[in-house]
Amino acid sequence: MKNAQTNFMYAIREVLLVVIGILIAVSINNWNEKRKQDDQLDNILLTIKEDLSSDITKINEILAHYERLDTIFKNVLADNYTIDDYEETPQISFLLLGYPELSLNKRGFLLLEKFNGHLAESREEIVQEVVEFYNKQLLEVAVDDELRADDFKENFSHWKNNTNWWLDYVQFRVNEDFISYAVNDPDYKTRVATAQFFAYVVYLPEIEKFKDMGEEIISQIELLVTP
């Protein structure tokens, strides 16, 4: 009887050791998996940082482009340019022929949308902020950029179908008929004023907001994640 009781206790101990071993192994495995997911999320945040840094560089180039054109827009609308000015400074003539495009990077944001792993408490706030930022700002920039693009397309279509100077214009040749139109026809000033409005009043403030918010997110990521 005593031997049977001893064997039973020994068996219980063996079972307990096996269970404890399994629990330890599961715990270690869970910890390793959680650590991998934390590393994955940090890599996604670093990708978002790279995306935003690239976007901000492109935004700065667009802001600089429009800063260079600001005086030209104002002088056209104030009737300060003469026929000689148009002939001697081609940039004035081609003010509305094209515009700088902005393609924002979304690779990091798309990875974050697909991420369904462990979310550390220290990352919850930045993740929520990034999601809200992209969901709102991507839409805002796209809508305002579409207004700018539609205005350009309308000018393009109208001039192509209704003017005799268009062929020279799209080949960047200064045409006397275009200069006469630019100097004398109120339609041109209306189109310049519209382009100025969509660029300076609608579009540029939106990409400046994207830039400012993006820089703040970059700073927060740098505080949380070490490359």
C-alpha atoms as a PDB file:
ATOM      1  CA  MET A   1       0.000   0.000   0.000  1.00  0.00           C
ATOM      2  CA  LYS A   2       2.808   2.324   0.911  1.00  0.00           C
ATOM      3  CA  ASN A   3       4.603   1.578  -2.369  1.00  0.00           C
ATOM      4  CA  ALA A   4       1.408   2.236  -4.339  1.00  0.00           C
ATOM      5  CA  GLN A   5       0.967   5.557  -2.561  1.00  0.00           C
ATOM      6  CA  THR A   6       4.583   6.500  -3.255  1.00  0.00           C
ATOM      7  CA  ASN A   7       4.236   5.612  -6.926  1.00  0.00           C
ATOM      8  CA  PHE A   8       1.039   7.648  -7.142  1.00  0.00           C
ATOM      9  CA  MET A   9       2.714  10.709  -5.623  1.00  0.00           C
ATOM     10  CA  TYR A  10       5.655  10.238  -7.955  1.00  0.00           C
ATOM     11  CA  ALA A  11       3.304  10.119 -10.929  1.00  0.00           C
ATOM     12  CA  ILE A  12       1.550  13.289  -9.740  1.00  0.00           C
ATOM     13  CA  ARG A  13       4.887  15.051  -9.461  1.00  0.00           C
ATOM     14  CA  GLU A  14       5.827  13.928 -12.957  1.00  0.00           C
ATOM     15  CA  VAL A  15       2.538  15.203 -14.352  1.00  0.00           C
ATOM     16  CA  LEU A  16       2.989  18.523 -12.544  1.00  0.00           C
ATOM     17  CA  LEU A  17       6.499  18.890 -13.892  1.00  0.00           C
ATOM     18  CA  VAL A  18       5.264  18.202 -17.410  1.00  0.00           C
ATOM     19  CA  VAL A  19       2.416  20.721 -17.022  1.00  0.00           C
ATOM     20  CA  ILE A  20       4.769  23.340 -15.575  1.00  0.00           C
ATOM     21  CA  GLY A  21       7.203  22.703 -18.429  1.00  0.00           C
ATOM     22  CA  ILE A  22       4.441  23.138 -20.986  1.00  0.00           C
ATOM     23  CA  LEU A  23       3.237  26.344 -19.320  1.00  0.00           C
ATOM     24  CA  ILE A  24       6.776  27.728 -19.281  1.00  0.00           C
ATOM     25  CA  ALA A  25       7.268  26.805 -22.917  1.00  0.00           C
ATOM     26  CA  VAL A  26       3.943  28.399 -23.905  1.00  0.00           C
ATOM     27  CA  SER A  27       4.816  31.497 -21.894  1.00  0.00           C
ATOM     28  CA  ILE A  28       8.215  31.800 -23.568  1.00  0.00           C
ATOM     29  CA  ASN A  29       6.663  31.228 -26.970  1.00  0.00           C
ATOM     30  CA  ASN A  30       4.013  33.880 -26.295  1.00  0.00           C
ATOM     31  CA  TRP A  31       6.677  36.302 -25.117  1.00  0.00           C
ATOM     32  CA  ASN A  32       8.779  35.673 -28.213  1.00  0.00           C
ATOM     33  CA  GLU A  33       5.743  36.095 -30.470  1.00  0.00           C
ATOM     34  CA  LYS A  34       4.757  39.305 -28.717  1.00  0.00           C
ATOM     35  CA  ARG A  35       8.308  40.625 -29.071  1.00  0.00           C
ATOM     36  CA  LYS A  36       8.292  39.804 -32.793  1.00  0.00           C
ATOM     37  CA  GLN A  37       4.994  41.653 -33.196  1.00  0.00           C
ATOM     38  CA  ASP A  38       6.356  44.628 -31.247  1.00  0.00           C
ATOM     39  CA  ASP A  39       9.396  44.685 -33.538  1.00  0.00           C
ATOM     40  CA  GLN A  40       7.121  44.423 -36.575  1.00  0.00           C
ATOM     41  CA  LEU A  41       5.053  47.390 -35.403  1.00  0.00           C
ATOM     42  CA  ASP A  42       8.168  49.449 -34.710  1.00  0.00           C
ATOM     43  CA  ASN A  43       9.441  48.690 -38.213  1.00  0.00           C
ATOM     44  CA  ILE A  44       6.101  49.866 -39.610  1.00  0.00           C
ATOM     45  CA  LEU A  45       6.374  53.088 -37.606  1.00  0.00           C
ATOM     46  CA  LEU A  46       9.884  53.618 -38.962  1.00  0.00           C
ATOM     47  CA  THR A  47       8.537  53.098 -42.483  1.00  0.00           C
ATOM     48  CA  ILE A  48       5.882  55.728 -41.781  1.00  0.00           C
ATOM     49  CA  LYS A  49       8.635  58.056 -40.592  1.00  0.00           C
ATOM     50  CA  GLU A  50      10.525  57.514 -43.862  1.00  0.00           C
ATOM     51  CA  ASP A  51       7.352  58.067 -45.880  1.00  0.00           C
ATOM     52  CA  LEU A  52       6.581  61.312 -44.091  1.00  0.00           C
ATOM     53  CA  SER A  53      10.159  62.560 -44.435  1.00  0.00           C
ATOM     54  CA  SER A  54       9.997  61.950 -48.180  1.00  0.00           C
ATOM     55  CA  ASP A  55       6.574  63.595 -48.415  1.00  0.00           C
ATOM     56  CA  ILE A  56       7.780  66.654 -46.524  1.00  0.00           C
ATOM     57  CA  THR A  57      10.725  67.032 -48.899  1.00  0.00           C
ATOM     58  CA  LYS A  58       8.335  66.984 -51.861  1.00  0.00           C
ATOM     59  CA  ILE A  59       5.974  69.407 -50.138  1.00  0.00           C
ATOM     60  CA  ASN A  60       8.839  71.823 -49.498  1.00  0.00           C
ATOM     61  CA  GLU A  61       9.676  71.728 -53.201  1.00  0.00           C
ATOM     62  CA  ILE A  62       6.075  72.544 -54.113  1.00  0.00           C
ATOM     63  CA  LEU A  63       5.926  75.363 -51.556  1.00  0.00           C
ATOM     64  CA  ALA A  64       9.163  76.784 -52.984  1.00  0.00           C
ATOM     65  CA  HIS A  65       7.758  76.497 -56.520  1.00  0.00           C
ATOM     66  CA  TYR A  66       4.677  78.528 -55.656  1.00  0.00           C
ATOM     67  CA  GLU A  67       6.728  81.010 -53.646  1.00  0.00           C
ATOM     68  CA  ARG A  68       8.727  81.722 -56.813  1.00  0.00           C
ATOM     69  CA  LEU A  69       5.496  82.229 -58.779  1.00  0.00           C
ATOM     70  CA  ASP A  70       3.718  84.358 -56.192  1.00  0.00           C
ATOM     71  CA  THR A  71       5.008  87.668 -57.556  1.00  0.00           C
ATOM     72  CA  ILE A  72       4.091  86.679 -61.115  1.00  0.00           C
ATOM     73  CA  PHE A  73       0.517  85.848 -60.124  1.00  0.00           C
ATOM     74  CA  LYS A  74       0.163  89.168 -58.332  1.00  0.00           C
ATOM     75  CA  ASN A  75       1.639  91.188 -61.187  1.00  0.00           C
ATOM     76  CA  VAL A  76      -0.602  89.530 -63.774  1.00  0.00           C
ATOM     77  CA  LEU A  77      -3.677  90.276 -61.685  1.00  0.00           C
ATOM     78  CA  ALA A  78      -2.510  93.872 -61.133  1.00  0.00           C
ATOM     79  CA  ASP A  79      -1.931  94.393 -64.900  1.00  0.00           C
ATOM     80  CA  ASN A  80       1.703  95.205 -64.226  1.00  0.00           C
ATOM     81  CA  TYR A  81       3.117  93.243 -67.173  1.00  0.00           C
ATOM     82  CA  THR A  82       3.542  94.722 -70.633  1.00  0.00           C
ATOM     83  CA  ILE A  83       3.880  93.014 -73.994  1.00  0.00           C
ATOM     84  CA  ASP A  84       7.664  93.406 -73.665  1.00  0.00           C
ATOM     85  CA  ASP A  85       7.594  91.642 -70.283  1.00  0.00           C
ATOM     86  CA  TYR A  86       5.845  88.638 -71.814  1.00  0.00           C
ATOM     87  CA  GLU A  87       8.288  88.528 -74.714  1.00  0.00           C
ATOM     88  CA  GLU A  88      11.388  88.856 -72.546  1.00  0.00           C
ATOM     89  CA  THR A  89      10.346  86.579 -69.659  1.00  0.00           C
ATOM     90  CA  PRO A  90       8.834  83.302 -70.935  1.00  0.00           C
ATOM     91  CA  GLN A  91       8.001  82.152 -67.387  1.00  0.00           C
ATOM     92  CA  ILE A  92       5.294  84.804 -67.296  1.00  0.00           C
ATOM     93  CA  SER A  93       3.634  83.434 -70.437  1.00  0.00           C
ATOM     94  CA  PHE A  94       3.591  79.851 -69.229  1.00  0.00           C
ATOM     95  CA  LEU A  95       2.319  80.551 -65.738  1.00  0.00           C
ATOM     96  CA  LEU A  96      -0.682  78.246 -66.142  1.00  0.00           C
ATOM     97  CA  LEU A  97       0.901  75.570 -68.314  1.00  0.00           C
ATOM     98  CA  GLY A  98       1.272  72.732 -65.825  1.00  0.00           C
ATOM     99  CA  TYR A  99       1.594  72.442 -62.063  1.00  0.00           C
ATOM    100  CA  PRO A 100       3.749  70.417 -59.643  1.00  0.00           C
ATOM    101  CA  GLU A 101       2.099  67.158 -58.630  1.00  0.00           C
ATOM    102  CA  LEU A 102       2.329  65.520 -55.235  1.00  0.00           C
ATOM    103  CA  SER A 103       2.142  61.762 -54.753  1.00  0.00           C
ATOM    104  CA  LEU A 104       2.048  60.985 -51.047  1.00  0.00           C
ATOM    105  CA  ASN A 105       3.609  57.768 -49.756  1.00  0.00           C
ATOM    106  CA  LYS A 106       1.166  55.331 -48.150  1.00  0.00           C
ATOM    107  CA  ARG A 107       3.215  52.136 -47.863  1.00  0.00           C
ATOM    108  CA  GLY A 108       3.718  52.442 -44.081  1.00  0.00           C
ATOM    109  CA  PHE A 109       0.116  53.398 -43.474  1.00  0.00           C
ATOM    110  CA  LEU A 110      -1.116  50.443 -45.542  1.00  0.00           C
ATOM    111  CA  LEU A 111       1.116  48.110 -43.512  1.00  0.00           C
ATOM    112  CA  LEU A 112      -0.287  49.588 -40.309  1.00  0.00           C
ATOM    113  CA  GLU A 113      -3.847  49.005 -41.509  1.00  0.00           C
ATOM    114  CA  LYS A 114      -3.032  45.325 -42.072  1.00  0.00           C
ATOM    115  CA  PHE A 115      -1.249  44.900 -38.737  1.00  0.00           C
ATOM    116  CA  ASN A 116      -3.365  42.897 -36.269  1.00  0.00           C
ATOM    117  CA  GLY A 117      -0.729  41.808 -33.810  1.00  0.00           C
ATOM    118  CA  HIS A 118       0.024  42.837 -30.257  1.00  0.00           C
ATOM    119  CA  LEU A 119      -0.255  46.571 -29.644  1.00  0.00           C
ATOM    120  CA  ALA A 120       1.924  47.681 -26.750  1.00  0.00           C
ATOM    121  CA  GLU A 121       0.349  50.263 -24.472  1.00  0.00           C
ATOM    122  CA  SER A 122       3.243  52.634 -25.202  1.00  0.00           C
ATOM    123  CA  ARG A 123       2.355  52.526 -28.925  1.00  0.00           C
ATOM    124  CA  GLU A 124      -1.425  52.906 -28.690  1.00  0.00           C
ATOM    125  CA  GLU A 125      -1.476  56.698 -28.796  1.00  0.00           C
ATOM    126  CA  ILE A 126       0.889  57.095 -31.765  1.00  0.00           C
ATOM    127  CA  VAL A 127      -0.891  54.366 -33.739  1.00  0.00           C
ATOM    128  CA  GLN A 128      -4.264  56.027 -33.203  1.00  0.00           C
ATOM    129  CA  GLU A 129      -2.826  59.412 -34.143  1.00  0.00           C
ATOM    130  CA  VAL A 130      -1.224  58.051 -37.323  1.00  0.00           C
ATOM    131  CA  VAL A 131      -4.451  56.356 -38.429  1.00  0.00           C
ATOM    132  CA  GLU A 132      -6.523  59.488 -37.804  1.00  0.00           C
ATOM    133  CA  PHE A 133      -3.909  61.647 -39.546  1.00  0.00           C
ATOM    134  CA  TYR A 134      -3.807  59.581 -42.728  1.00  0.00           C
ATOM    135  CA  ASN A 135      -7.546  58.956 -42.896  1.00  0.00           C
ATOM    136  CA  LYS A 136      -8.221  62.691 -42.739  1.00  0.00           C
ATOM    137  CA  GLN A 137      -5.246  64.356 -44.376  1.00  0.00           C
ATOM    138  CA  LEU A 138      -4.925  62.058 -47.385  1.00  0.00           C
ATOM    139  CA  LEU A 139      -8.536  62.825 -48.239  1.00  0.00           C
ATOM    140  CA  GLU A 140      -8.178  66.560 -47.663  1.00  0.00           C
ATOM    141  CA  VAL A 141      -5.078  66.841 -49.841  1.00  0.00           C
ATOM    142  CA  ALA A 142      -6.625  64.687 -52.575  1.00  0.00           C
ATOM    143  CA  VAL A 143      -9.825  66.745 -52.699  1.00  0.00           C
ATOM    144  CA  ASP A 144      -7.985  70.068 -52.853  1.00  0.00           C
ATOM    145  CA  ASP A 145      -5.491  68.756 -55.389  1.00  0.00           C
ATOM    146  CA  GLU A 146      -8.364  67.600 -57.585  1.00  0.00           C
ATOM    147  CA  LEU A 147      -9.719  71.151 -57.686  1.00  0.00           C
ATOM    148  CA  ARG A 148      -6.325  72.377 -58.857  1.00  0.00           C
ATOM    149  CA  ALA A 149      -6.097  69.606 -61.466  1.00  0.00           C
ATOM    150  CA  ASP A 150      -9.637  70.195 -62.758  1.00  0.00           C
ATOM    151  CA  ASP A 151      -8.903  73.889 -63.197  1.00  0.00           C
ATOM    152  CA  PHE A 152      -5.775  73.103 -65.211  1.00  0.00           C
ATOM    153  CA  LYS A 153      -7.676  70.622 -67.378  1.00  0.00           C
ATOM    154  CA  GLU A 154     -10.448  73.148 -68.040  1.00  0.00           C
ATOM    155  CA  ASN A 155      -7.907  75.754 -69.193  1.00  0.00           C
ATOM    156  CA  PHE A 156      -6.149  73.149 -71.298  1.00  0.00           C
ATOM    157  CA  SER A 157      -9.375  72.041 -72.978  1.00  0.00           C
ATOM    158  CA  HIS A 158     -10.699  75.559 -73.549  1.00  0.00           C
ATOM    159  CA  TRP A 159      -7.505  76.901 -75.062  1.00  0.00           C
ATOM    160  CA  LYS A 160      -6.948  73.815 -77.195  1.00  0.00           C
ATOM    161  CA  ASN A 161     -10.417  74.062 -78.726  1.00  0.00           C
ATOM    162  CA  ASN A 162     -10.828  77.832 -78.961  1.00  0.00           C
ATOM    163  CA  THR A 163      -7.506  79.511 -79.707  1.00  0.00           C
ATOM    164  CA  ASN A 164      -5.120  79.770 -82.652  1.00  0.00           C
ATOM    165  CA  TRP A 165      -2.019  80.071 -80.473  1.00  0.00           C
ATOM    166  CA  TRP A 166      -2.315  76.736 -78.641  1.00  0.00           C
ATOM    167  CA  LEU A 167       0.083  74.770 -80.860  1.00  0.00           C
ATOM    168  CA  ASP A 168       2.896  77.197 -80.169  1.00  0.00           C
ATOM    169  CA  TYR A 169       1.950  77.466 -76.507  1.00  0.00           C
ATOM    170  CA  VAL A 170       2.228  73.747 -75.726  1.00  0.00           C
ATOM    171  CA  GLN A 171       5.635  73.751 -77.378  1.00  0.00           C
ATOM    172  CA  PHE A 172       6.744  76.579 -75.105  1.00  0.00           C
ATOM    173  CA  ARG A 173       6.990  79.116 -77.897  1.00  0.00           C
ATOM    174  CA  VAL A 174       5.969  82.679 -77.040  1.00  0.00           C
ATOM    175  CA  ASN A 175       3.203  83.607 -79.459  1.00  0.00           C
ATOM    176  CA  GLU A 176       2.091  87.167 -80.205  1.00  0.00           C
ATOM    177  CA  ASP A 177      -1.552  86.127 -80.251  1.00  0.00           C
ATOM    178  CA  PHE A 178      -1.240  84.594 -76.790  1.00  0.00           C
ATOM    179  CA  ILE A 179       0.510  87.704 -75.469  1.00  0.00           C
ATOM    180  CA  SER A 180      -2.294  89.880 -76.848  1.00  0.00           C
ATOM    181  CA  TYR A 181      -4.808  87.597 -75.117  1.00  0.00           C
ATOM    182  CA  ALA A 182      -2.893  87.687 -71.822  1.00  0.00           C
ATOM    183  CA  VAL A 183      -2.526  91.468 -71.834  1.00  0.00           C
ATOM    184  CA  ASN A 184      -5.948  92.478 -73.199  1.00  0.00           C
ATOM    185  CA  ASP A 185      -8.540  89.763 -72.567  1.00  0.00           C
ATOM    186  CA  PRO A 186     -10.215  89.693 -69.117  1.00  0.00           C
ATOM    187  CA  ASP A 187     -10.717  85.951 -69.581  1.00  0.00           C
ATOM    188  CA  TYR A 188      -7.016  85.365 -68.990  1.00  0.00           C
ATOM    189  CA  LYS A 189      -6.981  87.337 -65.745  1.00  0.00           C
ATOM    190  CA  THR A 190     -10.033  85.379 -64.577  1.00  0.00           C
ATOM    191  CA  ARG A 191      -8.225  82.108 -65.219  1.00  0.00           C
ATOM    192  CA  VAL A 192      -5.087  83.322 -63.441  1.00  0.00           C
ATOM    193  CA  ALA A 193      -7.167  84.452 -60.455  1.00  0.00           C
ATOM    194  CA  THR A 194      -8.891  81.065 -60.307  1.00  0.00           C
ATOM    195  CA  ALA A 195      -5.592  79.173 -60.463  1.00  0.00           C
ATOM    196  CA  GLN A 196      -4.158  81.433 -57.773  1.00  0.00           C
ATOM    197  CA  PHE A 197      -7.164  80.773 -55.534  1.00  0.00           C
ATOM    198  CA  PHE A 198      -7.008  76.991 -55.883  1.00  0.00           C
ATOM    199  CA  ALA A 199      -3.234  76.975 -55.328  1.00  0.00           C
ATOM    200  CA  TYR A 200      -2.637  79.565 -52.620  1.00  0.00           C
ATOM    201  CA  VAL A 201      -5.933  79.656 -50.751  1.00  0.00           C
ATOM    202  CA  VAL A 202      -7.055  76.020 -51.019  1.00  0.00           C
ATOM    203  CA  TYR A 203      -4.145  73.690 -51.795  1.00  0.00           C
ATOM    204  CA  LEU A 204      -1.016  75.139 -50.195  1.00  0.00           C
ATOM    205  CA  PRO A 205      -2.533  75.579 -46.701  1.00  0.00           C
ATOM    206  CA  GLU A 206      -3.610  71.933 -46.806  1.00  0.00           C
ATOM    207  CA  ILE A 207      -0.186  70.555 -47.705  1.00  0.00           C
ATOM    208  CA  GLU A 208       1.389  72.885 -45.133  1.00  0.00           C
ATOM    209  CA  LYS A 209      -0.932  71.353 -42.539  1.00  0.00           C
ATOM    210  CA  PHE A 210       0.083  67.875 -43.733  1.00  0.00           C
ATOM    211  CA  LYS A 211       3.721  68.902 -43.365  1.00  0.00           C
ATOM    212  CA  ASP A 212       3.299  70.325 -39.840  1.00  0.00           C
ATOM    213  CA  MET A 213       1.337  67.333 -38.580  1.00  0.00           C
ATOM    214  CA  GLY A 214       3.736  64.950 -40.311  1.00  0.00           C
ATOM    215  CA  GLU A 215       6.733  66.563 -38.595  1.00  0.00           C
ATOM    216  CA  GLU A 216       5.020  66.145 -35.232  1.00  0.00           C
ATOM    217  CA  ILE A 217       4.391  62.452 -35.917  1.00  0.00           C
ATOM    218  CA  ILE A 218       8.018  61.983 -36.963  1.00  0.00           C
ATOM    219  CA  SER A 219       9.149  63.521 -33.658  1.00  0.00           C
ATOM    220  CA  GLN A 220       6.914  61.187 -31.677  1.00  0.00           C
ATOM    221  CA  ILE A 221       8.119  58.119 -33.569  1.00  0.00           C
ATOM    222  CA  GLU A 222      11.739  59.115 -32.959  1.00  0.00           C
ATOM    223  CA  LEU A 223      11.058  59.315 -29.217  1.00  0.00           C
ATOM    224  CA  LEU A 224       9.461  55.861 -29.157  1.00  0.00           C
ATOM    225  CA  VAL A 225      11.422  53.812 -31.679  1.00  0.00           C
ATOM    226  CA  THR A 226      15.150  53.308 -32.042  1.00  0.00           C
ATOM    227  CA  PRO A 227      16.196  52.317 -35.592  1.00  0.00           C
END
